[in-house]
All heavy atoms as atom14 arrays in JSON, in Angstrom:
{
  "sequence": "KIDSNGSSNCLIRVPEHKFAIVHGLEDYIVVDESDVLLIY",
  "atom14_mask": [
    [1, 1, 1, 1, 1, 1, 1, 1, 1, 0, 0, 0, 0, 0],
    [1, 1, 1, 1, 1, 1, 1, 1, 0, 0, 0, 0, 0, 0],
    [1, 1, 1, 1, 1, 1, 1, 1, 0, 0, 0, 0, 0, 0],
    [1, 1, 1, 1, 1, 1, 0, 0, 0, 0, 0, 0, 0, 0],
    [1, 1, 1, 1, 1, 1, 1, 1, 0, 0, 0, 0, 0, 0],
    [1, 1, 1, 1, 0, 0, 0, 0, 0, 0, 0, 0, 0, 0],
    [1, 1, 1, 1, 1, 1, 0, 0, 0, 0, 0, 0, 0, 0],
    [1, 1, 1, 1, 1, 1, 0, 0, 0, 0, 0, 0, 0, 0],
    [1, 1, 1, 1, 1, 1, 1, 1, 0, 0, 0, 0, 0, 0],
    [1, 1, 1, 1, 1, 1, 0, 0, 0, 0, 0, 0, 0, 0],
    [1, 1, 1, 1, 1, 1, 1, 1, 0, 0, 0, 0, 0, 0],
    [1, 1, 1, 1, 1, 1, 1, 1, 0, 0, 0, 0, 0, 0],
    [1, 1, 1, 1, 1, 1, 1, 1, 1, 1, 1, 0, 0, 0],
    [1, 1, 1, 1, 1, 1, 1, 0, 0, 0, 0, 0, 0, 0],
    [1, 1, 1, 1, 1, 1, 1, 0, 0, 0, 0, 0, 0, 0],
    [1, 1, 1, 1, 1, 1, 1, 1, 1, 0, 0, 0, 0, 0],
    [1, 1, 1, 1, 1, 1, 1, 1, 1, 1, 0, 0, 0, 0],
    [1, 1, 1, 1, 1, 1, 1, 1, 1, 0, 0, 0, 0, 0],
    [1, 1, 1, 1, 1, 1, 1, 1, 1, 1, 1, 0, 0, 0],
    [1, 1, 1, 1, 1, 0, 0, 0, 0, 0, 0, 0, 0, 0],
    [1, 1, 1, 1, 1, 1, 1, 1, 0, 0, 0, 0, 0, 0],
    [1, 1, 1, 1, 1, 1, 1, 0, 0, 0, 0, 0, 0, 0],
    [1, 1, 1, 1, 1, 1, 1, 1, 1, 1, 0, 0, 0, 0],
    [1, 1, 1, 1, 0, 0, 0, 0, 0, 0, 0, 0, 0, 0],
    [1, 1, 1, 1, 1, 1, 1, 1, 0, 0, 0, 0, 0, 0],
    [1, 1, 1, 1, 1, 1, 1, 1, 1, 0, 0, 0, 0, 0],
    [1, 1, 1, 1, 1, 1, 1, 1, 0, 0, 0, 0, 0, 0],
    [1, 1, 1, 1, 1, 1, 1, 1, 1, 1, 1, 1, 0, 0],
    [1, 1, 1, 1, 1, 1, 1, 1, 0, 0, 0, 0, 0, 0],
    [1, 1, 1, 1, 1, 1, 1, 0, 0, 0, 0, 0, 0, 0],
    [1, 1, 1, 1, 1, 1, 1, 0, 0, 0, 0, 0, 0, 0],
    [1, 1, 1, 1, 1, 1, 1, 1, 0, 0, 0, 0, 0, 0],
    [1, 1, 1, 1, 1, 1, 1, 1, 1, 0, 0, 0, 0, 0],
    [1, 1, 1, 1, 1, 1, 0, 0, 0, 0, 0, 0, 0, 0],
    [1, 1, 1, 1, 1, 1, 1, 1, 0, 0, 0, 0, 0, 0],
    [1, 1, 1, 1, 1, 1, 1, 0, 0, 0, 0, 0, 0, 0],
    [1, 1, 1, 1, 1, 1, 1, 1, 0, 0, 0, 0, 0, 0],
    [1, 1, 1, 1, 1, 1, 1, 1, 0, 0, 0, 0, 0, 0],
    [1, 1, 1, 1, 1, 1, 1, 1, 0, 0, 0, 0, 0, 0],
    [1, 1, 1, 1, 1, 1, 1, 1, 1, 1, 1, 1, 0, 0]
  ],
  "atom14_positions": [
    [[180.19, 119.8, 112.58], [180.7, 119.02, 113.72], [179.5, 118.34, 114.34], [178.63, 118.99, 114.91], [181.42, 119.95, 114.7], [182.54, 120.77, 114.07], [183.08, 121.8, 115.04], [184.18, 122.64, 114.4], [183.66, 123.49, 113.29], [0.0, 0.0, 0.0], [0.0, 0.0, 0.0], [0.0, 0.0, 0.0], [0.0, 0.0, 0.0], [0.0, 0.0, 0.0]],
    [[179.45, 117.02, 114.24], [178.22, 116.29, 114.56], [178.48, 115.18, 115.56], [179.39, 114.36, 115.37], [177.6, 115.7, 113.28], [177.3, 116.82, 112.26], [176.31, 114.93, 113.6], [176.99, 116.31, 110.87], [0.0, 0.0, 0.0], [0.0, 0.0, 0.0], [0.0, 0.0, 0.0], [0.0, 0.0, 0.0], [0.0, 0.0, 0.0], [0.0, 0.0, 0.0]],
    [[177.68, 115.15, 116.62], [177.63, 114.02, 117.55], [176.33, 113.28, 117.28], [175.25, 113.77, 117.61], [177.69, 114.52, 118.99], [177.73, 113.37, 120.0], [177.32, 112.26, 119.64], [178.17, 113.6, 121.15], [0.0, 0.0, 0.0], [0.0, 0.0, 0.0], [0.0, 0.0, 0.0], [0.0, 0.0, 0.0], [0.0, 0.0, 0.0], [0.0, 0.0, 0.0]],
    [[176.44, 112.13, 116.64], [175.24, 111.38, 116.26], [175.04, 110.14, 117.13], [174.29, 109.24, 116.77], [175.33, 110.96, 114.79], [176.48, 110.15, 114.58], [0.0, 0.0, 0.0], [0.0, 0.0, 0.0], [0.0, 0.0, 0.0], [0.0, 0.0, 0.0], [0.0, 0.0, 0.0], [0.0, 0.0, 0.0], [0.0, 0.0, 0.0], [0.0, 0.0, 0.0]],
    [[175.7, 110.11, 118.28], [175.58, 108.96, 119.18], [174.11, 108.75, 119.56], [173.43, 109.67, 120.03], [176.42, 109.21, 120.44], [176.43, 108.0, 121.35], [176.48, 106.86, 120.88], [176.37, 108.24, 122.65], [0.0, 0.0, 0.0], [0.0, 0.0, 0.0], [0.0, 0.0, 0.0], [0.0, 0.0, 0.0], [0.0, 0.0, 0.0], [0.0, 0.0, 0.0]],
    [[173.63, 107.53, 119.34], [172.23, 107.23, 119.64], [171.31, 107.36, 118.45], [170.12, 107.07, 118.55], [0.0, 0.0, 0.0], [0.0, 0.0, 0.0], [0.0, 0.0, 0.0], [0.0, 0.0, 0.0], [0.0, 0.0, 0.0], [0.0, 0.0, 0.0], [0.0, 0.0, 0.0], [0.0, 0.0, 0.0], [0.0, 0.0, 0.0], [0.0, 0.0, 0.0]],
    [[171.84, 107.81, 117.3], [171.06, 107.85, 116.06], [171.65, 106.86, 115.07], [172.82, 106.5, 115.15], [171.08, 109.26, 115.46], [170.37, 110.17, 116.26], [0.0, 0.0, 0.0], [0.0, 0.0, 0.0], [0.0, 0.0, 0.0], [0.0, 0.0, 0.0], [0.0, 0.0, 0.0], [0.0, 0.0, 0.0], [0.0, 0.0, 0.0], [0.0, 0.0, 0.0]],
    [[170.84, 106.43, 114.11], [171.32, 105.44, 113.14], [170.69, 105.68, 111.78], [169.55, 106.14, 111.67], [171.01, 104.01, 113.62], [169.61, 103.82, 113.78], [0.0, 0.0, 0.0], [0.0, 0.0, 0.0], [0.0, 0.0, 0.0], [0.0, 0.0, 0.0], [0.0, 0.0, 0.0], [0.0, 0.0, 0.0], [0.0, 0.0, 0.0], [0.0, 0.0, 0.0]],
    [[171.46, 105.37, 110.75], [171.0, 105.41, 109.35], [170.43, 106.77, 108.96], [169.47, 106.86, 108.19], [169.97, 104.31, 109.1], [170.51, 102.93, 109.43], [171.65, 102.61, 109.14], [169.69, 102.12, 110.09], [0.0, 0.0, 0.0], [0.0, 0.0, 0.0], [0.0, 0.0, 0.0], [0.0, 0.0, 0.0], [0.0, 0.0, 0.0], [0.0, 0.0, 0.0]],
    [[171.04, 107.82, 109.48], [170.59, 109.18, 109.18], [171.58, 109.88, 108.25], [172.77, 109.56, 108.24], [170.46, 110.0, 110.46], [169.13, 109.45, 111.55], [0.0, 0.0, 0.0], [0.0, 0.0, 0.0], [0.0, 0.0, 0.0], [0.0, 0.0, 0.0], [0.0, 0.0, 0.0], [0.0, 0.0, 0.0], [0.0, 0.0, 0.0], [0.0, 0.0, 0.0]],
    [[171.08, 110.83, 107.52], [171.92, 111.77, 106.77], [171.86, 113.09, 107.51], [170.76, 113.63, 107.76], [171.42, 111.92, 105.34], [172.19, 112.91, 104.45], [172.2, 112.44, 103.01], [171.56, 114.32, 104.51], [0.0, 0.0, 0.0], [0.0, 0.0, 0.0], [0.0, 0.0, 0.0], [0.0, 0.0, 0.0], [0.0, 0.0, 0.0], [0.0, 0.0, 0.0]],
    [[173.03, 113.62, 107.87], [173.07, 114.85, 108.66], [174.04, 115.82, 108.01], [175.2, 115.5, 107.74], [173.5, 114.57, 110.12], [172.61, 113.47, 110.73], [173.44, 115.85, 110.95], [173.06, 113.0, 112.09], [0.0, 0.0, 0.0], [0.0, 0.0, 0.0], [0.0, 0.0, 0.0], [0.0, 0.0, 0.0], [0.0, 0.0, 0.0], [0.0, 0.0, 0.0]],
    [[173.55, 117.02, 107.76], [174.36, 118.07, 107.12], [174.04, 119.4, 107.79], [172.9, 119.87, 107.74], [174.05, 118.14, 105.63], [174.92, 119.1, 104.82], [174.49, 119.05, 103.36], [175.42, 119.68, 102.45], [175.37, 120.95, 102.05], [174.4, 121.72, 102.52], [176.25, 121.43, 101.21], [0.0, 0.0, 0.0], [0.0, 0.0, 0.0], [0.0, 0.0, 0.0]],
    [[175.03, 119.99, 108.45], [174.84, 121.28, 109.12], [175.97, 122.21, 108.67], [176.96, 121.76, 108.09], [174.84, 121.12, 110.65], [173.74, 120.16, 111.09], [176.19, 120.65, 111.16], [0.0, 0.0, 0.0], [0.0, 0.0, 0.0], [0.0, 0.0, 0.0], [0.0, 0.0, 0.0], [0.0, 0.0, 0.0], [0.0, 0.0, 0.0], [0.0, 0.0, 0.0]],
    [[175.85, 123.51, 108.91], [176.92, 124.42, 108.53], [178.26, 124.02, 109.15], [178.3, 123.47, 110.26], [176.44, 125.78, 109.07], [174.95, 125.66, 109.07], [174.67, 124.24, 109.45], [0.0, 0.0, 0.0], [0.0, 0.0, 0.0], [0.0, 0.0, 0.0], [0.0, 0.0, 0.0], [0.0, 0.0, 0.0], [0.0, 0.0, 0.0], [0.0, 0.0, 0.0]],
    [[179.34, 124.29, 108.44], [180.66, 123.85, 108.88], [181.02, 124.35, 110.27], [181.7, 123.67, 111.02], [181.71, 124.31, 107.86], [181.63, 123.59, 106.52], [182.73, 124.01, 105.57], [183.57, 124.85, 105.98], [182.75, 123.53, 104.43], [0.0, 0.0, 0.0], [0.0, 0.0, 0.0], [0.0, 0.0, 0.0], [0.0, 0.0, 0.0], [0.0, 0.0, 0.0]],
    [[180.56, 125.54, 110.62], [180.93, 126.13, 111.9], [180.06, 125.64, 113.05], [180.35, 125.94, 114.21], [180.8, 127.66, 111.82], [179.39, 128.13, 111.62], [178.82, 128.22, 110.36], [178.43, 128.5, 112.5], [177.58, 128.65, 110.47], [177.3, 128.82, 111.76], [0.0, 0.0, 0.0], [0.0, 0.0, 0.0], [0.0, 0.0, 0.0], [0.0, 0.0, 0.0]],
    [[178.99, 124.89, 112.74], [178.01, 124.53, 113.76], [178.28, 123.15, 114.36], [178.69, 122.23, 113.67], [176.59, 124.59, 113.17], [175.48, 124.29, 114.19], [174.11, 124.54, 113.61], [173.82, 126.03, 113.52], [172.41, 126.31, 113.18], [0.0, 0.0, 0.0], [0.0, 0.0, 0.0], [0.0, 0.0, 0.0], [0.0, 0.0, 0.0], [0.0, 0.0, 0.0]],
    [[178.02, 123.03, 115.66], [178.08, 121.73, 116.34], [176.65, 121.25, 116.53], [175.82, 121.96, 117.11], [178.79, 121.86, 117.69], [179.18, 120.53, 118.28], [180.48, 120.04, 118.15], [178.25, 119.76, 118.95], [180.84, 118.81, 118.68], [178.59, 118.52, 119.48], [179.9, 118.06, 119.35], [0.0, 0.0, 0.0], [0.0, 0.0, 0.0], [0.0, 0.0, 0.0]],
    [[176.36, 120.05, 116.07], [175.01, 119.5, 116.18], [175.04, 118.2, 116.97], [175.9, 117.34, 116.76], [174.43, 119.25, 114.79], [0.0, 0.0, 0.0], [0.0, 0.0, 0.0], [0.0, 0.0, 0.0], [0.0, 0.0, 0.0], [0.0, 0.0, 0.0], [0.0, 0.0, 0.0], [0.0, 0.0, 0.0], [0.0, 0.0, 0.0], [0.0, 0.0, 0.0]],
    [[174.1, 118.06, 117.88], [173.93, 116.82, 118.65], [172.59, 116.23, 118.2], [171.53, 116.83, 118.41], [173.93, 117.09, 120.16], [175.24, 117.76, 120.57], [173.74, 115.79, 120.93], [175.24, 118.3, 121.97], [0.0, 0.0, 0.0], [0.0, 0.0, 0.0], [0.0, 0.0, 0.0], [0.0, 0.0, 0.0], [0.0, 0.0, 0.0], [0.0, 0.0, 0.0]],
    [[172.64, 115.09, 117.56], [171.43, 114.45, 117.02], [171.3, 113.08, 117.67], [172.07, 112.16, 117.41], [171.52, 114.31, 115.48], [170.24, 113.7, 114.94], [171.77, 115.67, 114.83], [0.0, 0.0, 0.0], [0.0, 0.0, 0.0], [0.0, 0.0, 0.0], [0.0, 0.0, 0.0], [0.0, 0.0, 0.0], [0.0, 0.0, 0.0], [0.0, 0.0, 0.0]],
    [[170.32, 112.95, 118.54], [170.17, 111.73, 119.34], [168.78, 111.14, 119.14], [167.78, 111.85, 119.1], [170.39, 112.05, 120.82], [170.3, 110.84, 121.71], [171.35, 109.98, 121.91], [169.27, 110.36, 122.44], [170.98, 109.01, 122.74], [169.72, 109.22, 123.07], [0.0, 0.0, 0.0], [0.0, 0.0, 0.0], [0.0, 0.0, 0.0], [0.0, 0.0, 0.0]],
    [[168.73, 109.82, 119.0], [167.46, 109.11, 119.01], [166.72, 109.08, 117.7], [165.56, 108.67, 117.65], [0.0, 0.0, 0.0], [0.0, 0.0, 0.0], [0.0, 0.0, 0.0], [0.0, 0.0, 0.0], [0.0, 0.0, 0.0], [0.0, 0.0, 0.0], [0.0, 0.0, 0.0], [0.0, 0.0, 0.0], [0.0, 0.0, 0.0], [0.0, 0.0, 0.0]],
    [[167.37, 109.48, 116.62], [166.72, 109.44, 115.32], [167.18, 108.21, 114.53], [168.35, 107.82, 114.61], [167.03, 110.69, 114.51], [166.42, 112.01, 114.99], [166.76, 113.12, 114.01], [164.91, 111.9, 115.18], [0.0, 0.0, 0.0], [0.0, 0.0, 0.0], [0.0, 0.0, 0.0], [0.0, 0.0, 0.0], [0.0, 0.0, 0.0], [0.0, 0.0, 0.0]],
    [[166.28, 107.65, 113.76], [166.6, 106.51, 112.89], [165.97, 106.74, 111.52], [164.79, 107.04, 111.42], [166.09, 105.2, 113.49], [166.44, 103.98, 112.65], [166.01, 102.67, 113.29], [165.5, 102.72, 114.43], [166.18, 101.62, 112.64], [0.0, 0.0, 0.0], [0.0, 0.0, 0.0], [0.0, 0.0, 0.0], [0.0, 0.0, 0.0], [0.0, 0.0, 0.0]],
    [[166.81, 106.64, 110.48], [166.34, 106.8, 109.1], [165.74, 108.19, 108.86], [164.65, 108.33, 108.3], [165.32, 105.72, 108.74], [165.94, 104.35, 108.66], [167.02, 104.22, 108.09], [165.35, 103.4, 109.22], [0.0, 0.0, 0.0], [0.0, 0.0, 0.0], [0.0, 0.0, 0.0], [0.0, 0.0, 0.0], [0.0, 0.0, 0.0], [0.0, 0.0, 0.0]],
    [[166.46, 109.22, 109.26], [166.01, 110.59, 109.06], [167.02, 111.39, 108.24], [168.21, 111.08, 108.2], [165.8, 111.3, 110.4], [164.37, 111.25, 110.88], [163.83, 110.08, 111.44], [163.53, 112.35, 110.77], [162.52, 110.03, 111.87], [162.22, 112.31, 111.19], [161.71, 111.16, 111.74], [160.39, 111.11, 112.15], [0.0, 0.0, 0.0], [0.0, 0.0, 0.0]],
    [[166.51, 112.42, 107.59], [167.31, 113.44, 106.93], [167.31, 114.67, 107.83], [166.24, 115.17, 108.21], [166.72, 113.79, 105.55], [166.71, 112.58, 104.63], [167.47, 114.95, 104.91], [165.8, 112.74, 103.42], [0.0, 0.0, 0.0], [0.0, 0.0, 0.0], [0.0, 0.0, 0.0], [0.0, 0.0, 0.0], [0.0, 0.0, 0.0], [0.0, 0.0, 0.0]],
    [[168.5, 115.14, 108.17], [168.63, 116.35, 108.97], [169.53, 117.33, 108.2], [170.72, 117.06, 108.01], [169.23, 116.06, 110.36], [169.36, 117.35, 111.17], [168.39, 115.03, 111.11], [0.0, 0.0, 0.0], [0.0, 0.0, 0.0], [0.0, 0.0, 0.0], [0.0, 0.0, 0.0], [0.0, 0.0, 0.0], [0.0, 0.0, 0.0], [0.0, 0.0, 0.0]],
    [[168.96, 118.43, 107.76], [169.71, 119.4, 106.98], [169.45, 120.78, 107.57], [168.31, 121.25, 107.61], [169.3, 119.38, 105.49], [170.09, 120.43, 104.71], [169.54, 118.0, 104.9], [0.0, 0.0, 0.0], [0.0, 0.0, 0.0], [0.0, 0.0, 0.0], [0.0, 0.0, 0.0], [0.0, 0.0, 0.0], [0.0, 0.0, 0.0], [0.0, 0.0, 0.0]],
    [[170.51, 121.44, 108.01], [170.43, 122.77, 108.58], [171.12, 123.75, 107.65], [172.32, 123.66, 107.4], [171.12, 122.77, 109.96], [170.99, 124.13, 110.66], [170.52, 125.08, 110.03], [171.38, 124.2, 111.84], [0.0, 0.0, 0.0], [0.0, 0.0, 0.0], [0.0, 0.0, 0.0], [0.0, 0.0, 0.0], [0.0, 0.0, 0.0], [0.0, 0.0, 0.0]],
    [[170.33, 124.68, 107.09], [170.87, 125.69, 106.19], [170.77, 127.08, 106.8], [170.58, 128.07, 106.1], [170.14, 125.64, 104.85], [170.45, 124.41, 104.04], [171.89, 124.37, 103.57], [172.44, 125.44, 103.23], [172.46, 123.27, 103.55], [0.0, 0.0, 0.0], [0.0, 0.0, 0.0], [0.0, 0.0, 0.0], [0.0, 0.0, 0.0], [0.0, 0.0, 0.0]],
    [[170.87, 127.16, 108.12], [170.81, 128.42, 108.86], [169.41, 129.03, 108.89], [168.83, 129.2, 109.95], [171.83, 129.44, 108.34], [173.13, 128.94, 108.5], [0.0, 0.0, 0.0], [0.0, 0.0, 0.0], [0.0, 0.0, 0.0], [0.0, 0.0, 0.0], [0.0, 0.0, 0.0], [0.0, 0.0, 0.0], [0.0, 0.0, 0.0], [0.0, 0.0, 0.0]],
    [[168.84, 129.34, 107.71], [167.5, 129.91, 107.71], [166.41, 128.85, 107.66], [165.24, 129.15, 107.88], [167.32, 130.88, 106.54], [167.49, 130.22, 105.19], [168.2, 129.19, 105.11], [166.91, 130.71, 104.2], [0.0, 0.0, 0.0], [0.0, 0.0, 0.0], [0.0, 0.0, 0.0], [0.0, 0.0, 0.0], [0.0, 0.0, 0.0], [0.0, 0.0, 0.0]],
    [[166.79, 127.6, 107.38], [165.83, 126.5, 107.31], [166.45, 125.26, 107.96], [167.59, 124.91, 107.65], [165.43, 126.14, 105.87], [164.44, 124.99, 105.85], [164.84, 127.34, 105.15], [0.0, 0.0, 0.0], [0.0, 0.0, 0.0], [0.0, 0.0, 0.0], [0.0, 0.0, 0.0], [0.0, 0.0, 0.0], [0.0, 0.0, 0.0], [0.0, 0.0, 0.0]],
    [[165.7, 124.63, 108.84], [166.1, 123.35, 109.41], [165.1, 122.3, 108.96], [163.9, 122.42, 109.24], [166.14, 123.42, 110.94], [166.36, 122.08, 111.68], [167.72, 121.48, 111.31], [166.24, 122.26, 113.19], [0.0, 0.0, 0.0], [0.0, 0.0, 0.0], [0.0, 0.0, 0.0], [0.0, 0.0, 0.0], [0.0, 0.0, 0.0], [0.0, 0.0, 0.0]],
    [[165.57, 121.29, 108.25], [164.72, 120.21, 107.76], [165.03, 118.94, 108.54], [166.18, 118.5, 108.58], [164.96, 119.97, 106.27], [164.22, 118.78, 105.65], [162.74, 119.12, 105.46], [164.84, 118.4, 104.3], [0.0, 0.0, 0.0], [0.0, 0.0, 0.0], [0.0, 0.0, 0.0], [0.0, 0.0, 0.0], [0.0, 0.0, 0.0], [0.0, 0.0, 0.0]],
    [[164.03, 118.36, 109.17], [164.14, 117.06, 109.84], [163.02, 116.21, 109.27], [161.83, 116.46, 109.55], [164.02, 117.19, 111.38], [165.06, 118.18, 111.91], [164.2, 115.83, 112.05], [164.9, 118.49, 113.39], [0.0, 0.0, 0.0], [0.0, 0.0, 0.0], [0.0, 0.0, 0.0], [0.0, 0.0, 0.0], [0.0, 0.0, 0.0], [0.0, 0.0, 0.0]],
    [[163.37, 115.21, 108.45], [162.35, 114.53, 107.65], [162.68, 113.06, 107.51], [163.85, 112.69, 107.33], [162.28, 115.18, 106.26], [160.89, 115.29, 105.71], [160.06, 116.32, 106.11], [160.41, 114.37, 104.8], [158.77, 116.44, 105.61], [159.13, 114.47, 104.29], [158.31, 115.51, 104.7], [157.03, 115.61, 104.21], [0.0, 0.0, 0.0], [0.0, 0.0, 0.0]]
  ]
}
């Protein structure tokens, strides 16, 4: 469940049960696998 308002051209993947708010990123990869969070 993702609120990406304010971000653009990003790939965002988080666990199905998680709510993520991703603001102010452009051209980023955001992957949350519970034990590892990658923002690249």
